Amino acid sequence: MMPEENKVQWVYSSRNNQELEERYDQWASEYEADLTRDFDYLGPPRAAELLARHAPKDSRILDAGAGTGLVGQILAGQGYGNLTAMDLSQGMLEESRNKNVYRELHQMVMGEPLDFPTGAFDAVISVGVLTVGHAPAGSLDELVRVTRPGGHIVFTLRPDVYETGGFKEKHAALEAAGKWQLVETTEQFQTLPKGEPDVYHQVWVYRVG
C-alpha cells in the first residue's frame, strides 16, 4: 500500500526492479503533483537547461527514466520535437503519453541492454534515475552506446552516491577507455528543497566518443 507521506523514500526502498515498477505504477497518477507541489522538484529544469547548451533543437533525444514526462514537457517547451521516452513503469509512461510531447515511448529497464540501435540518439538526458536501487553505475554503458559519437549525455547524480555507489569508478573507466569526456558539471543544489532539504544533486554533462 502506498503511504500518504515519504513516498520518495518508499519508492527508493524497493527491493528489486519488480517492486520498483509496481510502486511507480501505484504512484504514477499523483507523482507529478506530489513532486512539484510538495517537494518543489528542481532536477528537471536544471538538467534541461544544461542540455539546451549542447544539443540543437532538432536533436534526437532519449529521456531515460522519463517518469511522467516532466523533462520532456520542459524540452518541448524549449522547441525540442524529436523526443523518445523510456521508463521501467508502464503507469508512468501512460502519464508521459498524455503530455503528447514524445514521438515514441518504450518500457525498458536501466541497467539492462536497451533495445535501441548503437548511436540512435544525439543526446540522452536522465534525471533522478541514476542511483543505487534504481539505475546502477553500469547503466551508463548502454547510455553511451546509444548516443552517437560527439553527442551528449546529461544526468543528475547525488554527490554521496557518486562517491559510494560505483559511479566515480565508472566515470573514470569510461573516460580512460575513450568512451566519453567531461564537458561540465554544476555545483551541488537542493533537488527537493521543500520536502527533502537534505537531498542534493549535481548535473553532469559528458560528450561521447
N, C-alpha and C. Protein backbone atom coordinates (compact mmCIF):
# COMPACT_ATOMS: atom_id res chain seq x y z
N MET A 1 0.84 -1.20 0.00
CA MET A 1 0.00 0.00 0.00
C MET A 1 0.88 1.25 0.00
N MET A 2 0.51 2.22 -0.82
CA MET A 2 1.31 3.44 -0.93
C MET A 2 1.07 4.33 0.29
N PRO A 3 2.14 4.78 0.95
CA PRO A 3 1.97 5.64 2.12
C PRO A 3 1.53 7.04 1.73
N GLU A 4 0.91 7.75 2.67
CA GLU A 4 0.50 9.13 2.41
C GLU A 4 1.70 10.07 2.42
N GLU A 5 2.72 9.72 3.20
CA GLU A 5 3.90 10.56 3.32
C GLU A 5 5.14 9.73 2.96
N ASN A 6 6.25 10.44 2.73
CA ASN A 6 7.53 9.79 2.44
C ASN A 6 7.46 8.84 1.25
N LYS A 7 6.74 9.27 0.19
CA LYS A 7 6.63 8.42 -0.99
C LYS A 7 7.97 8.27 -1.69
N VAL A 8 8.80 9.30 -1.64
CA VAL A 8 10.12 9.21 -2.26
C VAL A 8 10.93 8.11 -1.59
N GLN A 9 10.95 8.12 -0.25
CA GLN A 9 11.70 7.08 0.47
C GLN A 9 11.09 5.70 0.24
N TRP A 10 9.77 5.64 0.15
CA TRP A 10 9.08 4.38 -0.10
C TRP A 10 9.51 3.77 -1.44
N VAL A 11 9.57 4.60 -2.47
CA VAL A 11 9.99 4.12 -3.78
C VAL A 11 11.46 3.71 -3.76
N TYR A 12 12.30 4.52 -3.13
CA TYR A 12 13.73 4.24 -3.15
C TYR A 12 14.10 3.05 -2.26
N SER A 13 13.18 2.60 -1.44
CA SER A 13 13.45 1.42 -0.60
C SER A 13 13.02 0.12 -1.28
N SER A 14 12.60 0.19 -2.54
CA SER A 14 12.19 -1.01 -3.28
C SER A 14 13.33 -2.02 -3.30
N ARG A 15 12.98 -3.30 -3.15
CA ARG A 15 14.00 -4.34 -3.02
C ARG A 15 14.48 -4.90 -4.35
N ASN A 16 13.71 -4.69 -5.42
CA ASN A 16 14.09 -5.19 -6.73
C ASN A 16 13.34 -4.41 -7.80
N ASN A 17 13.66 -4.68 -9.07
CA ASN A 17 13.03 -3.93 -10.16
C ASN A 17 11.53 -4.17 -10.25
N GLN A 18 11.09 -5.37 -9.93
CA GLN A 18 9.65 -5.65 -9.98
C GLN A 18 8.90 -4.80 -8.96
N GLU A 19 9.42 -4.75 -7.75
CA GLU A 19 8.77 -3.94 -6.72
C GLU A 19 8.86 -2.46 -7.06
N LEU A 20 9.99 -2.05 -7.62
CA LEU A 20 10.16 -0.66 -8.03
C LEU A 20 9.11 -0.29 -9.09
N GLU A 21 8.95 -1.16 -10.07
CA GLU A 21 7.96 -0.92 -11.13
C GLU A 21 6.55 -0.83 -10.54
N GLU A 22 6.22 -1.75 -9.65
CA GLU A 22 4.88 -1.76 -9.04
C GLU A 22 4.63 -0.49 -8.24
N ARG A 23 5.62 -0.04 -7.51
CA ARG A 23 5.43 1.16 -6.69
C ARG A 23 5.29 2.41 -7.56
N TYR A 24 6.07 2.50 -8.63
CA TYR A 24 5.91 3.64 -9.53
C TYR A 24 4.56 3.58 -10.24
N ASP A 25 4.10 2.39 -10.58
CA ASP A 25 2.78 2.28 -11.19
C ASP A 25 1.70 2.82 -10.24
N GLN A 26 1.83 2.49 -8.96
CA GLN A 26 0.86 2.96 -7.97
C GLN A 26 0.90 4.47 -7.81
N TRP A 27 2.10 5.03 -7.91
CA TRP A 27 2.28 6.46 -7.65
C TRP A 27 2.04 7.32 -8.89
N ALA A 28 1.98 6.71 -10.05
CA ALA A 28 2.04 7.44 -11.32
C ALA A 28 1.06 8.60 -11.40
N SER A 29 -0.19 8.38 -11.02
CA SER A 29 -1.21 9.42 -11.22
C SER A 29 -1.01 10.62 -10.30
N GLU A 30 -0.32 10.44 -9.17
CA GLU A 30 -0.11 11.53 -8.22
C GLU A 30 1.33 12.02 -8.19
N TYR A 31 2.21 11.32 -8.88
CA TYR A 31 3.66 11.57 -8.80
C TYR A 31 4.01 13.03 -9.10
N GLU A 32 3.52 13.52 -10.21
CA GLU A 32 3.92 14.86 -10.65
C GLU A 32 3.43 15.93 -9.68
N ALA A 33 2.18 15.82 -9.25
CA ALA A 33 1.64 16.80 -8.31
C ALA A 33 2.40 16.76 -6.99
N ASP A 34 2.72 15.55 -6.53
CA ASP A 34 3.45 15.42 -5.27
C ASP A 34 4.83 16.08 -5.36
N LEU A 35 5.57 15.79 -6.43
CA LEU A 35 6.94 16.30 -6.52
C LEU A 35 6.98 17.80 -6.76
N THR A 36 6.09 18.31 -7.60
CA THR A 36 6.14 19.74 -7.92
C THR A 36 5.50 20.58 -6.83
N ARG A 37 4.42 20.10 -6.24
CA ARG A 37 3.72 20.88 -5.22
C ARG A 37 4.37 20.74 -3.85
N ASP A 38 4.63 19.50 -3.45
CA ASP A 38 5.09 19.25 -2.08
C ASP A 38 6.60 19.30 -1.93
N PHE A 39 7.33 19.08 -3.03
CA PHE A 39 8.78 19.00 -2.93
C PHE A 39 9.51 20.10 -3.71
N ASP A 40 8.81 20.78 -4.62
CA ASP A 40 9.43 21.81 -5.47
C ASP A 40 10.61 21.21 -6.24
N TYR A 41 10.34 20.19 -7.03
CA TYR A 41 11.36 19.38 -7.70
C TYR A 41 12.12 20.20 -8.73
N LEU A 42 13.43 20.38 -8.50
CA LEU A 42 14.25 21.25 -9.34
C LEU A 42 15.15 20.51 -10.32
N GLY A 43 15.18 19.18 -10.25
CA GLY A 43 16.05 18.43 -11.14
C GLY A 43 15.76 18.62 -12.62
N PRO A 44 14.51 18.47 -13.06
CA PRO A 44 14.22 18.59 -14.49
C PRO A 44 14.60 19.93 -15.11
N PRO A 45 14.23 21.07 -14.53
CA PRO A 45 14.62 22.33 -15.18
C PRO A 45 16.12 22.56 -15.22
N ARG A 46 16.84 22.13 -14.18
CA ARG A 46 18.29 22.33 -14.17
C ARG A 46 18.96 21.48 -15.25
N ALA A 47 18.54 20.23 -15.37
CA ALA A 47 19.13 19.36 -16.38
C ALA A 47 18.77 19.81 -17.79
N ALA A 48 17.52 20.23 -17.99
CA ALA A 48 17.09 20.70 -19.31
C ALA A 48 17.86 21.94 -19.72
N GLU A 49 18.17 22.78 -18.75
CA GLU A 49 18.95 23.99 -19.03
C GLU A 49 20.33 23.64 -19.58
N LEU A 50 20.96 22.63 -18.99
CA LEU A 50 22.29 22.24 -19.47
C LEU A 50 22.22 21.53 -20.81
N LEU A 51 21.20 20.71 -21.01
CA LEU A 51 21.07 20.05 -22.30
C LEU A 51 20.95 21.08 -23.42
N ALA A 52 20.20 22.14 -23.16
CA ALA A 52 19.97 23.16 -24.18
C ALA A 52 21.26 23.87 -24.60
N ARG A 53 22.27 23.84 -23.76
CA ARG A 53 23.55 24.46 -24.11
C ARG A 53 24.29 23.66 -25.17
N HIS A 54 24.00 22.37 -25.27
CA HIS A 54 24.83 21.48 -26.08
C HIS A 54 24.10 20.76 -27.20
N ALA A 55 22.78 20.72 -27.17
CA ALA A 55 22.03 19.95 -28.16
C ALA A 55 21.16 20.88 -29.00
N PRO A 56 21.33 20.89 -30.33
CA PRO A 56 20.46 21.68 -31.21
C PRO A 56 19.01 21.22 -31.09
N LYS A 57 18.10 22.08 -31.49
CA LYS A 57 16.67 21.80 -31.31
C LYS A 57 16.18 20.60 -32.12
N ASP A 58 16.88 20.24 -33.20
CA ASP A 58 16.44 19.10 -34.00
C ASP A 58 17.08 17.78 -33.54
N SER A 59 17.74 17.79 -32.40
CA SER A 59 18.42 16.59 -31.90
C SER A 59 17.44 15.47 -31.57
N ARG A 60 17.88 14.25 -31.81
CA ARG A 60 17.15 13.05 -31.38
C ARG A 60 17.52 12.82 -29.91
N ILE A 61 16.56 12.96 -29.02
CA ILE A 61 16.85 12.93 -27.59
C ILE A 61 16.12 11.78 -26.91
N LEU A 62 16.86 11.00 -26.12
CA LEU A 62 16.29 9.96 -25.28
C LEU A 62 16.15 10.49 -23.86
N ASP A 63 14.94 10.45 -23.34
CA ASP A 63 14.67 10.76 -21.94
C ASP A 63 14.66 9.43 -21.19
N ALA A 64 15.79 9.09 -20.58
CA ALA A 64 15.99 7.78 -19.95
C ALA A 64 15.52 7.83 -18.50
N GLY A 65 14.45 7.08 -18.22
CA GLY A 65 13.80 7.20 -16.93
C GLY A 65 12.87 8.39 -16.93
N ALA A 66 12.03 8.46 -17.96
CA ALA A 66 11.23 9.67 -18.22
C ALA A 66 10.16 9.93 -17.17
N GLY A 67 9.75 8.89 -16.45
CA GLY A 67 8.69 9.09 -15.47
C GLY A 67 7.42 9.59 -16.11
N THR A 68 6.85 10.65 -15.56
CA THR A 68 5.60 11.21 -16.08
C THR A 68 5.83 12.25 -17.17
N GLY A 69 7.07 12.43 -17.58
CA GLY A 69 7.34 13.34 -18.68
C GLY A 69 7.64 14.77 -18.29
N LEU A 70 8.05 14.99 -17.05
CA LEU A 70 8.38 16.35 -16.61
C LEU A 70 9.49 16.95 -17.46
N VAL A 71 10.53 16.16 -17.73
CA VAL A 71 11.66 16.66 -18.52
C VAL A 71 11.22 16.89 -19.96
N GLY A 72 10.49 15.94 -20.52
CA GLY A 72 10.03 16.08 -21.90
C GLY A 72 9.16 17.30 -22.10
N GLN A 73 8.32 17.59 -21.13
CA GLN A 73 7.46 18.77 -21.23
C GLN A 73 8.28 20.05 -21.27
N ILE A 74 9.32 20.10 -20.45
CA ILE A 74 10.19 21.28 -20.45
C ILE A 74 10.92 21.40 -21.78
N LEU A 75 11.48 20.29 -22.26
CA LEU A 75 12.23 20.32 -23.52
C LEU A 75 11.32 20.68 -24.69
N ALA A 76 10.10 20.16 -24.70
CA ALA A 76 9.16 20.52 -25.77
C ALA A 76 8.87 22.01 -25.75
N GLY A 77 8.76 22.56 -24.55
CA GLY A 77 8.53 24.00 -24.42
C GLY A 77 9.70 24.82 -24.91
N GLN A 78 10.89 24.22 -24.93
CA GLN A 78 12.08 24.90 -25.43
C GLN A 78 12.26 24.72 -26.93
N GLY A 79 11.38 23.94 -27.55
CA GLY A 79 11.45 23.77 -29.00
C GLY A 79 11.99 22.44 -29.48
N TYR A 80 12.25 21.50 -28.56
CA TYR A 80 12.71 20.17 -28.96
C TYR A 80 11.50 19.32 -29.36
N GLY A 81 11.58 18.69 -30.53
CA GLY A 81 10.44 17.95 -31.03
C GLY A 81 10.67 16.47 -31.25
N ASN A 82 11.94 16.04 -31.22
CA ASN A 82 12.24 14.63 -31.50
C ASN A 82 12.64 13.93 -30.20
N LEU A 83 11.65 13.65 -29.37
CA LEU A 83 11.88 13.12 -28.03
C LEU A 83 11.37 11.69 -27.93
N THR A 84 12.17 10.83 -27.31
CA THR A 84 11.79 9.45 -27.04
C THR A 84 11.82 9.23 -25.53
N ALA A 85 10.76 8.65 -24.99
CA ALA A 85 10.69 8.36 -23.56
C ALA A 85 10.96 6.89 -23.31
N MET A 86 11.66 6.62 -22.22
CA MET A 86 11.93 5.26 -21.78
C MET A 86 11.76 5.20 -20.28
N ASP A 87 11.04 4.21 -19.77
CA ASP A 87 10.86 4.09 -18.33
C ASP A 87 10.56 2.65 -17.95
N LEU A 88 10.85 2.32 -16.71
CA LEU A 88 10.56 1.00 -16.16
C LEU A 88 9.06 0.77 -16.00
N SER A 89 8.33 1.84 -15.66
CA SER A 89 6.93 1.74 -15.25
C SER A 89 5.98 2.08 -16.39
N GLN A 90 5.09 1.15 -16.72
CA GLN A 90 4.09 1.42 -17.75
C GLN A 90 3.12 2.49 -17.29
N GLY A 91 2.82 2.51 -15.99
CA GLY A 91 1.93 3.55 -15.46
C GLY A 91 2.51 4.94 -15.65
N MET A 92 3.80 5.08 -15.41
CA MET A 92 4.45 6.38 -15.61
C MET A 92 4.47 6.75 -17.09
N LEU A 93 4.71 5.77 -17.95
CA LEU A 93 4.73 6.04 -19.39
C LEU A 93 3.36 6.49 -19.89
N GLU A 94 2.29 5.97 -19.31
CA GLU A 94 0.96 6.42 -19.72
C GLU A 94 0.75 7.88 -19.35
N GLU A 95 1.27 8.30 -18.21
CA GLU A 95 1.21 9.72 -17.84
C GLU A 95 2.02 10.55 -18.83
N SER A 96 3.19 10.03 -19.23
CA SER A 96 4.01 10.73 -20.23
C SER A 96 3.29 10.83 -21.56
N ARG A 97 2.63 9.75 -21.95
CA ARG A 97 1.92 9.73 -23.24
C ARG A 97 0.86 10.84 -23.30
N ASN A 98 0.22 11.08 -22.17
CA ASN A 98 -0.85 12.08 -22.13
C ASN A 98 -0.34 13.50 -22.36
N LYS A 99 0.96 13.71 -22.23
CA LYS A 99 1.52 15.05 -22.46
C LYS A 99 1.70 15.35 -23.95
N ASN A 100 1.70 14.30 -24.77
CA ASN A 100 1.81 14.48 -26.23
C ASN A 100 3.08 15.23 -26.64
N VAL A 101 4.19 14.93 -25.98
CA VAL A 101 5.46 15.57 -26.35
C VAL A 101 6.48 14.56 -26.86
N TYR A 102 6.21 13.27 -26.72
CA TYR A 102 7.16 12.23 -27.14
C TYR A 102 6.71 11.58 -28.44
N ARG A 103 7.65 11.38 -29.35
CA ARG A 103 7.35 10.64 -30.57
C ARG A 103 7.20 9.15 -30.30
N GLU A 104 8.01 8.64 -29.38
CA GLU A 104 7.97 7.22 -29.04
C GLU A 104 8.07 7.07 -27.52
N LEU A 105 7.46 5.98 -27.01
CA LEU A 105 7.57 5.64 -25.60
C LEU A 105 7.86 4.15 -25.49
N HIS A 106 8.85 3.79 -24.67
CA HIS A 106 9.28 2.41 -24.55
C HIS A 106 9.43 2.02 -23.08
N GLN A 107 8.95 0.83 -22.75
CA GLN A 107 9.16 0.29 -21.41
C GLN A 107 10.44 -0.53 -21.41
N MET A 108 11.46 -0.02 -20.74
CA MET A 108 12.76 -0.68 -20.65
C MET A 108 13.34 -0.44 -19.26
N VAL A 109 14.35 -1.23 -18.92
CA VAL A 109 14.94 -1.19 -17.59
C VAL A 109 16.37 -0.68 -17.67
N MET A 110 16.66 0.38 -16.95
CA MET A 110 18.03 0.88 -16.86
C MET A 110 18.90 -0.17 -16.17
N GLY A 111 20.09 -0.38 -16.71
CA GLY A 111 20.98 -1.40 -16.17
C GLY A 111 20.93 -2.69 -16.95
N GLU A 112 19.94 -2.81 -17.84
CA GLU A 112 19.84 -3.95 -18.74
C GLU A 112 20.09 -3.46 -20.17
N PRO A 113 20.38 -4.37 -21.12
CA PRO A 113 20.56 -3.94 -22.51
C PRO A 113 19.32 -3.21 -23.03
N LEU A 114 19.55 -2.08 -23.68
CA LEU A 114 18.45 -1.27 -24.21
C LEU A 114 18.18 -1.64 -25.66
N ASP A 115 16.93 -1.71 -26.02
CA ASP A 115 16.54 -2.13 -27.36
C ASP A 115 16.53 -0.94 -28.32
N PHE A 116 17.68 -0.27 -28.39
CA PHE A 116 17.89 0.82 -29.34
C PHE A 116 19.17 0.53 -30.12
N PRO A 117 19.24 0.94 -31.38
CA PRO A 117 20.48 0.76 -32.14
C PRO A 117 21.61 1.59 -31.55
N THR A 118 22.83 1.16 -31.79
CA THR A 118 24.00 1.93 -31.39
C THR A 118 23.99 3.29 -32.10
N GLY A 119 24.24 4.35 -31.33
CA GLY A 119 24.28 5.69 -31.91
C GLY A 119 22.93 6.22 -32.35
N ALA A 120 21.85 5.72 -31.74
CA ALA A 120 20.50 6.10 -32.17
C ALA A 120 20.13 7.53 -31.81
N PHE A 121 20.80 8.11 -30.81
CA PHE A 121 20.40 9.42 -30.30
C PHE A 121 21.56 10.42 -30.34
N ASP A 122 21.19 11.68 -30.53
CA ASP A 122 22.17 12.77 -30.47
C ASP A 122 22.46 13.17 -29.03
N ALA A 123 21.51 12.92 -28.14
CA ALA A 123 21.69 13.28 -26.73
C ALA A 123 20.78 12.40 -25.88
N VAL A 124 21.23 12.16 -24.65
CA VAL A 124 20.45 11.44 -23.66
C VAL A 124 20.36 12.30 -22.42
N ILE A 125 19.18 12.36 -21.81
CA ILE A 125 19.01 13.07 -20.55
C ILE A 125 18.37 12.10 -19.55
N SER A 126 18.87 12.11 -18.32
CA SER A 126 18.37 11.19 -17.30
C SER A 126 18.36 11.92 -15.96
N VAL A 127 17.17 12.14 -15.42
CA VAL A 127 17.01 12.98 -14.23
C VAL A 127 16.40 12.16 -13.09
N GLY A 128 17.11 12.11 -11.96
CA GLY A 128 16.59 11.43 -10.78
C GLY A 128 16.55 9.92 -10.90
N VAL A 129 17.34 9.37 -11.79
CA VAL A 129 17.26 7.94 -12.09
C VAL A 129 18.53 7.20 -11.70
N LEU A 130 19.68 7.77 -12.00
CA LEU A 130 20.95 7.09 -11.76
C LEU A 130 21.29 7.13 -10.27
N THR A 131 21.03 6.02 -9.61
CA THR A 131 21.32 5.90 -8.19
C THR A 131 21.20 4.44 -7.79
N VAL A 132 21.74 4.10 -6.66
CA VAL A 132 21.66 2.73 -6.16
C VAL A 132 20.19 2.37 -5.94
N GLY A 133 19.78 1.19 -6.42
CA GLY A 133 18.40 0.75 -6.26
C GLY A 133 17.49 1.15 -7.40
N HIS A 134 17.93 2.06 -8.24
CA HIS A 134 17.16 2.46 -9.42
C HIS A 134 17.92 2.06 -10.68
N ALA A 135 18.93 2.83 -11.00
CA ALA A 135 19.76 2.55 -12.17
C ALA A 135 21.21 2.57 -11.71
N PRO A 136 21.87 1.42 -11.69
CA PRO A 136 23.24 1.34 -11.19
C PRO A 136 24.23 1.99 -12.14
N ALA A 137 25.46 2.12 -11.67
CA ALA A 137 26.51 2.77 -12.47
C ALA A 137 26.69 2.09 -13.82
N GLY A 138 26.48 0.78 -13.88
CA GLY A 138 26.61 0.07 -15.13
C GLY A 138 25.63 0.51 -16.20
N SER A 139 24.57 1.20 -15.81
CA SER A 139 23.60 1.73 -16.77
C SER A 139 24.25 2.69 -17.76
N LEU A 140 25.31 3.33 -17.33
CA LEU A 140 25.97 4.33 -18.18
C LEU A 140 26.55 3.71 -19.45
N ASP A 141 26.94 2.44 -19.39
CA ASP A 141 27.50 1.79 -20.59
C ASP A 141 26.50 1.81 -21.74
N GLU A 142 25.26 1.49 -21.46
CA GLU A 142 24.25 1.47 -22.51
C GLU A 142 23.86 2.88 -22.95
N LEU A 143 23.86 3.84 -22.03
CA LEU A 143 23.56 5.22 -22.43
C LEU A 143 24.64 5.74 -23.38
N VAL A 144 25.88 5.37 -23.11
CA VAL A 144 26.97 5.74 -24.02
C VAL A 144 26.79 5.06 -25.37
N ARG A 145 26.45 3.79 -25.35
CA ARG A 145 26.31 3.04 -26.61
C ARG A 145 25.25 3.64 -27.53
N VAL A 146 24.11 4.04 -26.96
CA VAL A 146 23.01 4.51 -27.81
C VAL A 146 23.16 5.98 -28.21
N THR A 147 24.21 6.64 -27.71
CA THR A 147 24.47 8.04 -28.07
C THR A 147 25.53 8.07 -29.17
N ARG A 148 25.29 8.84 -30.20
CA ARG A 148 26.25 8.91 -31.32
C ARG A 148 27.55 9.57 -30.86
N PRO A 149 28.67 9.26 -31.50
CA PRO A 149 29.92 9.96 -31.21
C PRO A 149 29.75 11.47 -31.40
N GLY A 150 30.19 12.23 -30.43
CA GLY A 150 30.01 13.67 -30.46
C GLY A 150 28.74 14.14 -29.80
N GLY A 151 27.84 13.20 -29.49
CA GLY A 151 26.61 13.54 -28.78
C GLY A 151 26.86 13.71 -27.30
N HIS A 152 25.82 14.09 -26.57
CA HIS A 152 25.98 14.42 -25.16
C HIS A 152 25.04 13.60 -24.28
N ILE A 153 25.52 13.32 -23.07
CA ILE A 153 24.71 12.67 -22.04
C ILE A 153 24.65 13.62 -20.85
N VAL A 154 23.44 13.94 -20.43
CA VAL A 154 23.20 14.87 -19.33
C VAL A 154 22.43 14.12 -18.24
N PHE A 155 22.92 14.14 -17.01
CA PHE A 155 22.23 13.39 -15.96
C PHE A 155 22.47 14.01 -14.60
N THR A 156 21.54 13.75 -13.69
CA THR A 156 21.68 14.19 -12.30
C THR A 156 22.22 13.03 -11.47
N LEU A 157 22.96 13.40 -10.42
CA LEU A 157 23.56 12.39 -9.56
C LEU A 157 23.81 12.99 -8.19
N ARG A 158 23.45 12.25 -7.15
CA ARG A 158 23.74 12.71 -5.79
C ARG A 158 25.23 12.60 -5.53
N PRO A 159 25.85 13.61 -4.92
CA PRO A 159 27.29 13.55 -4.64
C PRO A 159 27.69 12.35 -3.79
N ASP A 160 26.86 11.99 -2.81
CA ASP A 160 27.21 10.84 -1.97
C ASP A 160 27.13 9.53 -2.76
N VAL A 161 26.17 9.44 -3.66
CA VAL A 161 26.05 8.24 -4.49
C VAL A 161 27.20 8.17 -5.50
N TYR A 162 27.62 9.32 -5.99
CA TYR A 162 28.79 9.36 -6.88
C TYR A 162 30.01 8.76 -6.19
N GLU A 163 30.19 9.08 -4.93
CA GLU A 163 31.37 8.61 -4.20
C GLU A 163 31.27 7.15 -3.78
N THR A 164 30.08 6.70 -3.42
CA THR A 164 29.96 5.38 -2.79
C THR A 164 29.20 4.35 -3.62
N GLY A 165 28.57 4.77 -4.72
CA GLY A 165 27.72 3.86 -5.47
C GLY A 165 28.33 3.30 -6.73
N GLY A 166 29.65 3.46 -6.89
CA GLY A 166 30.33 2.93 -8.06
C GLY A 166 30.38 3.87 -9.24
N PHE A 167 29.78 5.05 -9.11
CA PHE A 167 29.75 5.98 -10.23
C PHE A 167 31.09 6.67 -10.46
N LYS A 168 31.79 6.99 -9.40
CA LYS A 168 33.11 7.62 -9.55
C LYS A 168 34.03 6.73 -10.36
N GLU A 169 34.02 5.45 -10.05
CA GLU A 169 34.88 4.50 -10.77
C GLU A 169 34.40 4.30 -12.21
N LYS A 170 33.09 4.25 -12.41
CA LYS A 170 32.55 4.07 -13.76
C LYS A 170 32.84 5.29 -14.63
N HIS A 171 32.68 6.49 -14.09
CA HIS A 171 33.01 7.70 -14.84
C HIS A 171 34.46 7.65 -15.31
N ALA A 172 35.35 7.30 -14.39
CA ALA A 172 36.78 7.27 -14.71
C ALA A 172 37.10 6.19 -15.73
N ALA A 173 36.46 5.03 -15.60
CA ALA A 173 36.72 3.93 -16.53
C ALA A 173 36.27 4.28 -17.95
N LEU A 174 35.12 4.92 -18.08
CA LEU A 174 34.63 5.32 -19.40
C LEU A 174 35.53 6.37 -20.02
N GLU A 175 36.03 7.27 -19.18
CA GLU A 175 36.94 8.31 -19.69
C GLU A 175 38.27 7.69 -20.12
N ALA A 176 38.79 6.77 -19.30
CA ALA A 176 40.07 6.13 -19.62
C ALA A 176 39.98 5.30 -20.89
N ALA A 177 38.80 4.76 -21.16
CA ALA A 177 38.60 3.95 -22.36
C ALA A 177 38.29 4.78 -23.59
N GLY A 178 38.25 6.11 -23.42
CA GLY A 178 37.96 6.98 -24.54
C GLY A 178 36.51 6.98 -24.97
N LYS A 179 35.62 6.52 -24.07
CA LYS A 179 34.20 6.43 -24.41
C LYS A 179 33.49 7.77 -24.25
N TRP A 180 33.97 8.61 -23.33
CA TRP A 180 33.36 9.93 -23.15
C TRP A 180 34.35 10.89 -22.51
N GLN A 181 34.03 12.19 -22.57
CA GLN A 181 34.84 13.24 -21.94
C GLN A 181 33.91 14.18 -21.18
N LEU A 182 34.35 14.58 -19.99
CA LEU A 182 33.56 15.51 -19.18
C LEU A 182 33.53 16.88 -19.84
N VAL A 183 32.35 17.44 -19.97
CA VAL A 183 32.17 18.78 -20.52
C VAL A 183 31.97 19.79 -19.39
N GLU A 184 31.04 19.50 -18.50
CA GLU A 184 30.82 20.39 -17.36
C GLU A 184 29.98 19.68 -16.30
N THR A 185 30.05 20.20 -15.10
CA THR A 185 29.20 19.74 -14.01
C THR A 185 28.81 20.93 -13.16
N THR A 186 27.63 20.90 -12.59
CA THR A 186 27.15 22.02 -11.79
C THR A 186 27.65 21.90 -10.36
N GLU A 187 27.46 22.96 -9.61
CA GLU A 187 27.62 22.90 -8.17
C GLU A 187 26.47 22.05 -7.59
N GLN A 188 26.65 21.58 -6.38
CA GLN A 188 25.58 20.85 -5.72
C GLN A 188 24.39 21.79 -5.47
N PHE A 189 23.18 21.27 -5.63
CA PHE A 189 21.99 22.08 -5.36
C PHE A 189 20.91 21.18 -4.74
N GLN A 190 20.02 21.79 -3.98
CA GLN A 190 18.90 21.05 -3.38
C GLN A 190 17.92 20.67 -4.49
N THR A 191 17.64 19.39 -4.61
CA THR A 191 16.75 18.92 -5.66
C THR A 191 15.29 18.98 -5.24
N LEU A 192 15.03 18.74 -3.95
CA LEU A 192 13.66 18.73 -3.41
C LEU A 192 13.61 19.64 -2.19
N PRO A 193 13.80 20.95 -2.38
CA PRO A 193 14.03 21.84 -1.25
C PRO A 193 12.89 21.90 -0.23
N LYS A 194 11.65 21.71 -0.67
CA LYS A 194 10.53 21.80 0.26
C LYS A 194 10.31 20.52 1.06
N GLY A 195 10.50 19.37 0.41
CA GLY A 195 10.15 18.12 1.07
C GLY A 195 11.33 17.33 1.61
N GLU A 196 12.48 17.42 0.92
CA GLU A 196 13.69 16.68 1.32
C GLU A 196 14.88 17.63 1.24
N PRO A 197 14.98 18.59 2.16
CA PRO A 197 16.01 19.63 2.04
C PRO A 197 17.44 19.12 2.16
N ASP A 198 17.62 17.89 2.63
CA ASP A 198 18.97 17.34 2.77
C ASP A 198 19.44 16.61 1.51
N VAL A 199 18.59 16.53 0.50
CA VAL A 199 18.94 15.82 -0.74
C VAL A 199 19.55 16.80 -1.73
N TYR A 200 20.79 16.54 -2.13
CA TYR A 200 21.50 17.38 -3.10
C TYR A 200 21.85 16.56 -4.34
N HIS A 201 21.90 17.22 -5.47
CA HIS A 201 22.33 16.61 -6.72
C HIS A 201 23.29 17.54 -7.44
N GLN A 202 23.98 16.99 -8.40
CA GLN A 202 24.71 17.76 -9.41
C GLN A 202 24.24 17.31 -10.77
N VAL A 203 24.34 18.19 -11.76
CA VAL A 203 24.10 17.81 -13.15
C VAL A 203 25.45 17.63 -13.83
N TRP A 204 25.61 16.50 -14.49
CA TRP A 204 26.84 16.18 -15.22
C TRP A 204 26.55 16.20 -16.71
N VAL A 205 27.51 16.69 -17.49
CA VAL A 205 27.41 16.66 -18.95
C VAL A 205 28.67 16.02 -19.51
N TYR A 206 28.49 14.94 -20.27
CA TYR A 206 29.61 14.27 -20.94
C TYR A 206 29.39 14.27 -22.45
N ARG A 207 30.48 14.36 -23.20
CA ARG A 207 30.45 14.20 -24.65
C ARG A 207 30.95 12.81 -25.00
N VAL A 208 30.24 12.11 -25.84
CA VAL A 208 30.55 10.72 -26.17
C VAL A 208 31.59 10.65 -27.28
N GLY A 209 32.51 9.69 -27.15
CA GLY A 209 33.50 9.44 -28.20
C GLY A 209 34.75 10.27 -28.08
